[in-house]
């Protein structure tokens, strides 16, 4: 039985990738870096920001890019996925232990959680700054479970990317995919995920738990 519900952040709790291609290309233009196609950008989407930048532009000074981005756009507040707060309220009321395990850096993660008014729903908030490994490495999940005293078999990870599924499933954790990110249902099914574990968004998570968590 699932007792612990662990959320990815970007494109799971909030709409994040929308607009990021345009913003990153504006910074790249300012820094004289080559423009990439949207497909090239989204293919790399998912790892910690510093890793993403270095993968997109290997010769780029990552810190200068990050500073330029922040000076142009500041800390972006991403809009919650519809029904996100209602789902978190439901889980808390039902006694689930709720966590965030994200590849986002601590400062921007906390900014987004606080400005969206959901930071106090979570027992622990775990950013990329707290992790030695990064998705899809399953040690992201096993280390997290060990650190917080969680039983892997009683835990479910909710995410939007194939790297979320790969890491969580290899760690032996239940995985539930949401389709609010860049990967569609067919990609998850081709990767081996049971279709019953794919839902449109976290709005449908309470219903999934009522049906499957018995």
C-alpha atoms as a PDB file:
ATOM      1  CA  UNK A   1       0.000   0.000   0.000  1.00  0.00           C
ATOM      2  CA  UNK A   2       1.252   3.481  -0.896  1.00  0.00           C
ATOM      3  CA  UNK A   3       1.794   5.680   2.146  1.00  0.00           C
ATOM      4  CA  UNK A   4       4.347   8.146   0.740  1.00  0.00           C
ATOM      5  CA  UNK A   5       3.657  10.273  -2.345  1.00  0.00           C
ATOM      6  CA  UNK A   6       6.738  11.935  -3.814  1.00  0.00           C
ATOM      7  CA  UNK A   7       6.358  14.593  -6.487  1.00  0.00           C
ATOM      8  CA  UNK A   8       8.625  15.805  -9.216  1.00  0.00           C
ATOM      9  CA  UNK A   9       8.231  19.575  -9.538  1.00  0.00           C
ATOM     10  CA  UNK A  10       8.657  20.921 -13.082  1.00  0.00           C
ATOM     11  CA  UNK A  11       5.740  20.070 -15.379  1.00  0.00           C
ATOM     12  CA  UNK A  12       4.259  17.861 -12.663  1.00  0.00           C
ATOM     13  CA  UNK A  13       3.168  20.416 -10.068  1.00  0.00           C
ATOM     14  CA  UNK A  14       3.676  23.454 -12.316  1.00  0.00           C
ATOM     15  CA  UNK A  15       3.730  24.216 -16.032  1.00  0.00           C
ATOM     16  CA  UNK A  16       7.446  24.853 -16.568  1.00  0.00           C
ATOM     17  CA  UNK A  17       8.747  24.016 -20.028  1.00  0.00           C
ATOM     18  CA  UNK A  18       6.306  26.389 -21.721  1.00  0.00           C
ATOM     19  CA  UNK A  19       8.244  29.495 -22.715  1.00  0.00           C
ATOM     20  CA  UNK A  20      11.614  28.199 -21.533  1.00  0.00           C
ATOM     21  CA  UNK A  21      12.818  27.513 -25.073  1.00  0.00           C
ATOM     22  CA  UNK A  22      12.203  31.159 -26.045  1.00  0.00           C
ATOM     23  CA  UNK A  23      13.819  32.497 -22.871  1.00  0.00           C
ATOM     24  CA  UNK A  24      16.913  30.311 -23.263  1.00  0.00           C
ATOM     25  CA  UNK A  25      17.313  31.297 -26.916  1.00  0.00           C
ATOM     26  CA  UNK A  26      17.142  34.992 -25.981  1.00  0.00           C
ATOM     27  CA  UNK A  27      19.968  34.473 -23.490  1.00  0.00           C
ATOM     28  CA  UNK A  28      21.941  32.450 -26.049  1.00  0.00           C
ATOM     29  CA  UNK A  29      21.598  35.273 -28.598  1.00  0.00           C
ATOM     30  CA  UNK A  30      22.822  37.814 -26.044  1.00  0.00           C
ATOM     31  CA  UNK A  31      25.861  35.625 -25.306  1.00  0.00           C
ATOM     32  CA  UNK A  32      26.620  34.858 -28.945  1.00  0.00           C
ATOM     33  CA  UNK A  33      25.721  31.197 -28.662  1.00  0.00           C
ATOM     34  CA  UNK A  34      24.173  29.266 -31.560  1.00  0.00           C
ATOM     35  CA  UNK A  35      20.394  29.108 -31.772  1.00  0.00           C
ATOM     36  CA  UNK A  36      18.971  25.611 -31.308  1.00  0.00           C
ATOM     37  CA  UNK A  37      15.740  24.173 -32.606  1.00  0.00           C
ATOM     38  CA  UNK A  38      12.902  23.659 -30.159  1.00  0.00           C
ATOM     39  CA  UNK A  39      13.240  19.915 -30.653  1.00  0.00           C
ATOM     40  CA  UNK A  40      16.959  20.045 -29.783  1.00  0.00           C
ATOM     41  CA  UNK A  41      16.114  21.963 -26.621  1.00  0.00           C
ATOM     42  CA  UNK A  42      13.275  19.715 -25.465  1.00  0.00           C
ATOM     43  CA  UNK A  43      15.253  16.543 -26.181  1.00  0.00           C
ATOM     44  CA  UNK A  44      17.712  17.661 -23.485  1.00  0.00           C
ATOM     45  CA  UNK A  45      15.025  18.930 -21.071  1.00  0.00           C
ATOM     46  CA  UNK A  46      14.963  17.365 -17.587  1.00  0.00           C
ATOM     47  CA  UNK A  47      18.325  17.414 -15.791  1.00  0.00           C
ATOM     48  CA  UNK A  48      19.472  20.110 -13.324  1.00  0.00           C
ATOM     49  CA  UNK A  49      19.723  23.522 -14.979  1.00  0.00           C
ATOM     50  CA  UNK A  50      23.528  23.678 -14.975  1.00  0.00           C
ATOM     51  CA  UNK A  51      23.669  20.246 -16.636  1.00  0.00           C
ATOM     52  CA  UNK A  52      21.041  21.267 -19.189  1.00  0.00           C
ATOM     53  CA  UNK A  53      23.010  24.378 -20.203  1.00  0.00           C
ATOM     54  CA  UNK A  54      26.290  22.496 -20.509  1.00  0.00           C
ATOM     55  CA  UNK A  55      24.621  19.821 -22.644  1.00  0.00           C
ATOM     56  CA  UNK A  56      22.982  22.374 -24.929  1.00  0.00           C
ATOM     57  CA  UNK A  57      26.117  24.529 -25.350  1.00  0.00           C
ATOM     58  CA  UNK A  58      29.219  22.527 -24.272  1.00  0.00           C
ATOM     59  CA  UNK A  59      31.579  25.509 -24.665  1.00  0.00           C
ATOM     60  CA  UNK A  60      29.311  27.848 -22.689  1.00  0.00           C
ATOM     61  CA  UNK A  61      30.267  29.412 -19.355  1.00  0.00           C
ATOM     62  CA  UNK A  62      27.354  28.029 -17.338  1.00  0.00           C
ATOM     63  CA  UNK A  63      27.537  30.556 -14.501  1.00  0.00           C
ATOM     64  CA  UNK A  64      27.581  33.494 -16.925  1.00  0.00           C
ATOM     65  CA  UNK A  65      24.583  32.032 -18.737  1.00  0.00           C
ATOM     66  CA  UNK A  66      22.667  31.644 -15.469  1.00  0.00           C
ATOM     67  CA  UNK A  67      23.484  35.192 -14.411  1.00  0.00           C
ATOM     68  CA  UNK A  68      22.393  36.537 -17.794  1.00  0.00           C
ATOM     69  CA  UNK A  69      19.134  34.567 -17.586  1.00  0.00           C
ATOM     70  CA  UNK A  70      18.379  35.868 -14.081  1.00  0.00           C
ATOM     71  CA  UNK A  71      19.180  39.454 -15.047  1.00  0.00           C
ATOM     72  CA  UNK A  72      16.794  39.207 -17.999  1.00  0.00           C
ATOM     73  CA  UNK A  73      13.961  37.225 -16.432  1.00  0.00           C
ATOM     74  CA  UNK A  74      14.526  37.072 -12.665  1.00  0.00           C
ATOM     75  CA  UNK A  75      13.062  34.172 -10.730  1.00  0.00           C
ATOM     76  CA  UNK A  76      10.239  32.914 -12.896  1.00  0.00           C
ATOM     77  CA  UNK A  77       7.086  31.896 -11.033  1.00  0.00           C
ATOM     78  CA  UNK A  78       5.522  28.992 -12.857  1.00  0.00           C
ATOM     79  CA  UNK A  79       1.773  28.490 -12.801  1.00  0.00           C
ATOM     80  CA  UNK A  80       0.386  25.493 -10.927  1.00  0.00           C
ATOM     81  CA  UNK A  81      -1.092  22.664 -12.949  1.00  0.00           C
ATOM     82  CA  UNK A  82      -4.879  22.796 -12.680  1.00  0.00           C
ATOM     83  CA  UNK A  83      -6.102  20.943  -9.603  1.00  0.00           C
ATOM     84  CA  UNK A  84      -2.636  20.712  -8.029  1.00  0.00           C
ATOM     85  CA  UNK A  85      -3.504  22.398  -4.752  1.00  0.00           C
ATOM     86  CA  UNK A  86      -6.762  20.472  -4.433  1.00  0.00           C
ATOM     87  CA  UNK A  87      -4.853  17.206  -4.899  1.00  0.00           C
ATOM     88  CA  UNK A  88      -2.282  18.171  -2.268  1.00  0.00           C
ATOM     89  CA  UNK A  89      -5.079  19.128   0.137  1.00  0.00           C
ATOM     90  CA  UNK A  90      -6.721  15.746  -0.455  1.00  0.00           C
ATOM     91  CA  UNK A  91      -3.504  13.794   0.144  1.00  0.00           C
ATOM     92  CA  UNK A  92      -2.761  15.696   3.333  1.00  0.00           C
ATOM     93  CA  UNK A  93      -6.301  15.148   4.622  1.00  0.00           C
ATOM     94  CA  UNK A  94      -6.056  11.412   3.894  1.00  0.00           C
ATOM     95  CA  UNK A  95      -2.834  11.105   5.878  1.00  0.00           C
ATOM     96  CA  UNK A  96      -0.354  10.537   3.056  1.00  0.00           C
ATOM     97  CA  UNK A  97       3.213  11.695   3.656  1.00  0.00           C
ATOM     98  CA  UNK A  98       3.946  14.138   0.824  1.00  0.00           C
ATOM     99  CA  UNK A  99       7.387  15.046  -0.512  1.00  0.00           C
ATOM    100  CA  UNK A 100       9.040  16.921  -3.376  1.00  0.00           C
ATOM    101  CA  UNK A 101      12.076  15.381  -5.086  1.00  0.00           C
ATOM    102  CA  UNK A 102      13.194  17.718  -7.864  1.00  0.00           C
ATOM    103  CA  UNK A 103      16.134  18.415 -10.160  1.00  0.00           C
ATOM    104  CA  UNK A 104      15.570  22.142  -9.658  1.00  0.00           C
ATOM    105  CA  UNK A 105      18.004  24.141  -7.500  1.00  0.00           C
ATOM    106  CA  UNK A 106      16.945  24.892  -3.941  1.00  0.00           C
ATOM    107  CA  UNK A 107      16.484  28.667  -4.234  1.00  0.00           C
ATOM    108  CA  UNK A 108      14.206  28.660  -7.277  1.00  0.00           C
ATOM    109  CA  UNK A 109      12.342  25.561  -6.068  1.00  0.00           C
ATOM    110  CA  UNK A 110      11.484  27.189  -2.731  1.00  0.00           C
ATOM    111  CA  UNK A 111      10.585  30.449  -4.490  1.00  0.00           C
ATOM    112  CA  UNK A 112       8.075  28.633  -6.692  1.00  0.00           C
ATOM    113  CA  UNK A 113       6.595  26.551  -3.888  1.00  0.00           C
ATOM    114  CA  UNK A 114       6.196  29.586  -1.626  1.00  0.00           C
ATOM    115  CA  UNK A 115       4.817  31.984  -4.246  1.00  0.00           C
ATOM    116  CA  UNK A 116       2.302  29.310  -5.282  1.00  0.00           C
ATOM    117  CA  UNK A 117       1.313  28.828  -1.641  1.00  0.00           C
ATOM    118  CA  UNK A 118       1.978  25.082  -1.449  1.00  0.00           C
ATOM    119  CA  UNK A 119       5.308  24.826   0.401  1.00  0.00           C
ATOM    120  CA  UNK A 120       3.678  23.885   3.705  1.00  0.00           C
ATOM    121  CA  UNK A 121       2.000  20.790   2.239  1.00  0.00           C
ATOM    122  CA  UNK A 122       5.239  18.803   2.130  1.00  0.00           C
ATOM    123  CA  UNK A 123       6.996  16.866   4.854  1.00  0.00           C
ATOM    124  CA  UNK A 124      10.341  17.354   3.085  1.00  0.00           C
ATOM    125  CA  UNK A 125      11.447  19.319   0.023  1.00  0.00           C
ATOM    126  CA  UNK A 126      14.467  17.851  -1.727  1.00  0.00           C
ATOM    127  CA  UNK A 127      16.202  19.837  -4.496  1.00  0.00           C
ATOM    128  CA  UNK A 128      19.146  19.043  -6.772  1.00  0.00           C
ATOM    129  CA  UNK A 129      21.363  20.847  -4.248  1.00  0.00           C
ATOM    130  CA  UNK A 130      20.725  18.008  -1.777  1.00  0.00           C
ATOM    131  CA  UNK A 131      21.493  15.173  -4.204  1.00  0.00           C
ATOM    132  CA  UNK A 132      24.735  13.453  -5.094  1.00  0.00           C
ATOM    133  CA  UNK A 133      23.101  11.782  -8.089  1.00  0.00           C
ATOM    134  CA  UNK A 134      20.577  12.909 -10.673  1.00  0.00           C
ATOM    135  CA  UNK A 135      17.753  11.233 -12.568  1.00  0.00           C
ATOM    136  CA  UNK A 136      17.629   8.721 -14.205  1.00  0.00           C
ATOM    137  CA  UNK A 137      20.145   7.271 -11.711  1.00  0.00           C
ATOM    138  CA  UNK A 138      18.048   5.104  -9.334  1.00  0.00           C
ATOM    139  CA  UNK A 139      20.270   6.158  -6.447  1.00  0.00           C
ATOM    140  CA  UNK A 140      18.376   9.465  -6.479  1.00  0.00           C
ATOM    141  CA  UNK A 141      15.394   7.513  -5.163  1.00  0.00           C
ATOM    142  CA  UNK A 142      17.107   4.935  -2.975  1.00  0.00           C
ATOM    143  CA  UNK A 143      19.208   7.614  -1.257  1.00  0.00           C
ATOM    144  CA  UNK A 144      16.125   9.778  -0.746  1.00  0.00           C
ATOM    145  CA  UNK A 145      14.188   6.882   0.764  1.00  0.00           C
ATOM    146  CA  UNK A 146      17.074   5.972   3.063  1.00  0.00           C
ATOM    147  CA  UNK A 147      17.610   9.588   4.139  1.00  0.00           C
ATOM    148  CA  UNK A 148      13.970  10.026   5.105  1.00  0.00           C
ATOM    149  CA  UNK A 149      13.320   6.530   6.437  1.00  0.00           C
ATOM    150  CA  UNK A 150      10.843   5.574   3.709  1.00  0.00           C
ATOM    151  CA  UNK A 151       9.920   2.086   2.608  1.00  0.00           C
ATOM    152  CA  UNK A 152      10.439   2.016  -1.177  1.00  0.00           C
ATOM    153  CA  UNK A 153       7.539  -0.428  -1.574  1.00  0.00           C
ATOM    154  CA  UNK A 154       5.200   1.985   0.218  1.00  0.00           C
ATOM    155  CA  UNK A 155       6.248   4.966  -1.913  1.00  0.00           C
ATOM    156  CA  UNK A 156       5.124   6.328  -5.280  1.00  0.00           C
ATOM    157  CA  UNK A 157       6.872   8.900  -7.451  1.00  0.00           C
ATOM    158  CA  UNK A 158       4.791  11.180  -9.655  1.00  0.00           C
ATOM    159  CA  UNK A 159       6.625  12.603 -12.669  1.00  0.00           C
ATOM    160  CA  UNK A 160       6.336  13.711 -16.281  1.00  0.00           C
ATOM    161  CA  UNK A 161       9.540  12.466 -17.926  1.00  0.00           C
ATOM    162  CA  UNK A 162      10.977   9.141 -19.013  1.00  0.00           C
ATOM    163  CA  UNK A 163      14.014   9.784 -16.778  1.00  0.00           C
ATOM    164  CA  UNK A 164      11.605   9.967 -13.830  1.00  0.00           C
ATOM    165  CA  UNK A 165      10.122   6.603 -14.777  1.00  0.00           C
ATOM    166  CA  UNK A 166      13.491   4.986 -15.462  1.00  0.00           C
ATOM    167  CA  UNK A 167      15.034   6.043 -12.165  1.00  0.00           C
ATOM    168  CA  UNK A 168      12.028   5.346  -9.939  1.00  0.00           C
ATOM    169  CA  UNK A 169      11.228   1.960 -11.462  1.00  0.00           C
ATOM    170  CA  UNK A 170      14.843   0.771 -11.258  1.00  0.00           C
ATOM    171  CA  UNK A 171      14.808   1.759  -7.592  1.00  0.00           C
ATOM    172  CA  UNK A 172      11.731  -0.438  -7.097  1.00  0.00           C
ATOM    173  CA  UNK A 173       9.362   2.469  -6.521  1.00  0.00           C
ATOM    174  CA  UNK A 174       5.844   2.725  -7.928  1.00  0.00           C
ATOM    175  CA  UNK A 175       5.771   5.311 -10.719  1.00  0.00           C
ATOM    176  CA  UNK A 176       2.782   7.286 -11.949  1.00  0.00           C
ATOM    177  CA  UNK A 177       3.234   9.349 -15.101  1.00  0.00           C
ATOM    178  CA  UNK A 178       1.444  12.627 -15.752  1.00  0.00           C
ATOM    179  CA  UNK A 179       1.064  14.006 -19.260  1.00  0.00           C
ATOM    180  CA  UNK A 180       1.576  17.686 -18.414  1.00  0.00           C
ATOM    181  CA  UNK A 181       5.187  17.605 -19.624  1.00  0.00           C
ATOM    182  CA  UNK A 182       6.809  16.931 -22.988  1.00  0.00           C
ATOM    183  CA  UNK A 183       6.301  13.142 -23.107  1.00  0.00           C
ATOM    184  CA  UNK A 184       3.051  11.603 -24.286  1.00  0.00           C
ATOM    185  CA  UNK A 185       1.334   8.382 -23.278  1.00  0.00           C
ATOM    186  CA  UNK A 186       2.810   6.406 -26.168  1.00  0.00           C
ATOM    187  CA  UNK A 187       6.384   7.180 -25.078  1.00  0.00           C
ATOM    188  CA  UNK A 188       5.740   5.869 -21.584  1.00  0.00           C
ATOM    189  CA  UNK A 189       4.012   2.740 -22.897  1.00  0.00           C
ATOM    190  CA  UNK A 190       6.874   2.043 -25.324  1.00  0.00           C
ATOM    191  CA  UNK A 191       9.300   2.407 -22.406  1.00  0.00           C
ATOM    192  CA  UNK A 192       7.388  -0.322 -20.533  1.00  0.00           C
ATOM    193  CA  UNK A 193       5.096   1.580 -18.160  1.00  0.00           C
ATOM    194  CA  UNK A 194       1.725  -0.031 -17.495  1.00  0.00           C
ATOM    195  CA  UNK A 195      -0.949   2.204 -19.106  1.00  0.00           C
ATOM    196  CA  UNK A 196      -2.960   2.127 -15.874  1.00  0.00           C
ATOM    197  CA  UNK A 197      -0.126   4.140 -14.290  1.00  0.00           C
ATOM    198  CA  UNK A 198      -0.522   7.007 -16.755  1.00  0.00           C
ATOM    199  CA  UNK A 199      -2.891   9.865 -15.904  1.00  0.00           C
ATOM    200  CA  UNK A 200      -3.544  13.200 -17.637  1.00  0.00           C
ATOM    201  CA  UNK A 201      -2.370  15.288 -14.667  1.00  0.00           C
ATOM    202  CA  UNK A 202      -2.105  15.253 -10.881  1.00  0.00           C
ATOM    203  CA  UNK A 203      -5.716  16.384 -10.799  1.00  0.00           C
ATOM    204  CA  UNK A 204      -6.579  12.716 -11.424  1.00  0.00           C
ATOM    205  CA  UNK A 205      -4.206  11.345  -8.757  1.00  0.00           C
ATOM    206  CA  UNK A 206      -6.814  11.086  -5.948  1.00  0.00           C
ATOM    207  CA  UNK A 207      -9.035   8.962  -8.189  1.00  0.00           C
ATOM    208  CA  UNK A 208      -6.049   6.775  -9.171  1.00  0.00           C
ATOM    209  CA  UNK A 209      -5.221   6.185  -5.514  1.00  0.00           C
ATOM    210  CA  UNK A 210      -8.840   5.342  -4.658  1.00  0.00           C
ATOM    211  CA  UNK A 211      -8.882   2.728  -7.442  1.00  0.00           C
ATOM    212  CA  UNK A 212      -5.425   1.233  -7.031  1.00  0.00           C
ATOM    213  CA  UNK A 213      -4.184   1.816  -3.502  1.00  0.00           C
ATOM    214  CA  UNK A 214      -5.980  -0.973  -1.659  1.00  0.00           C
END
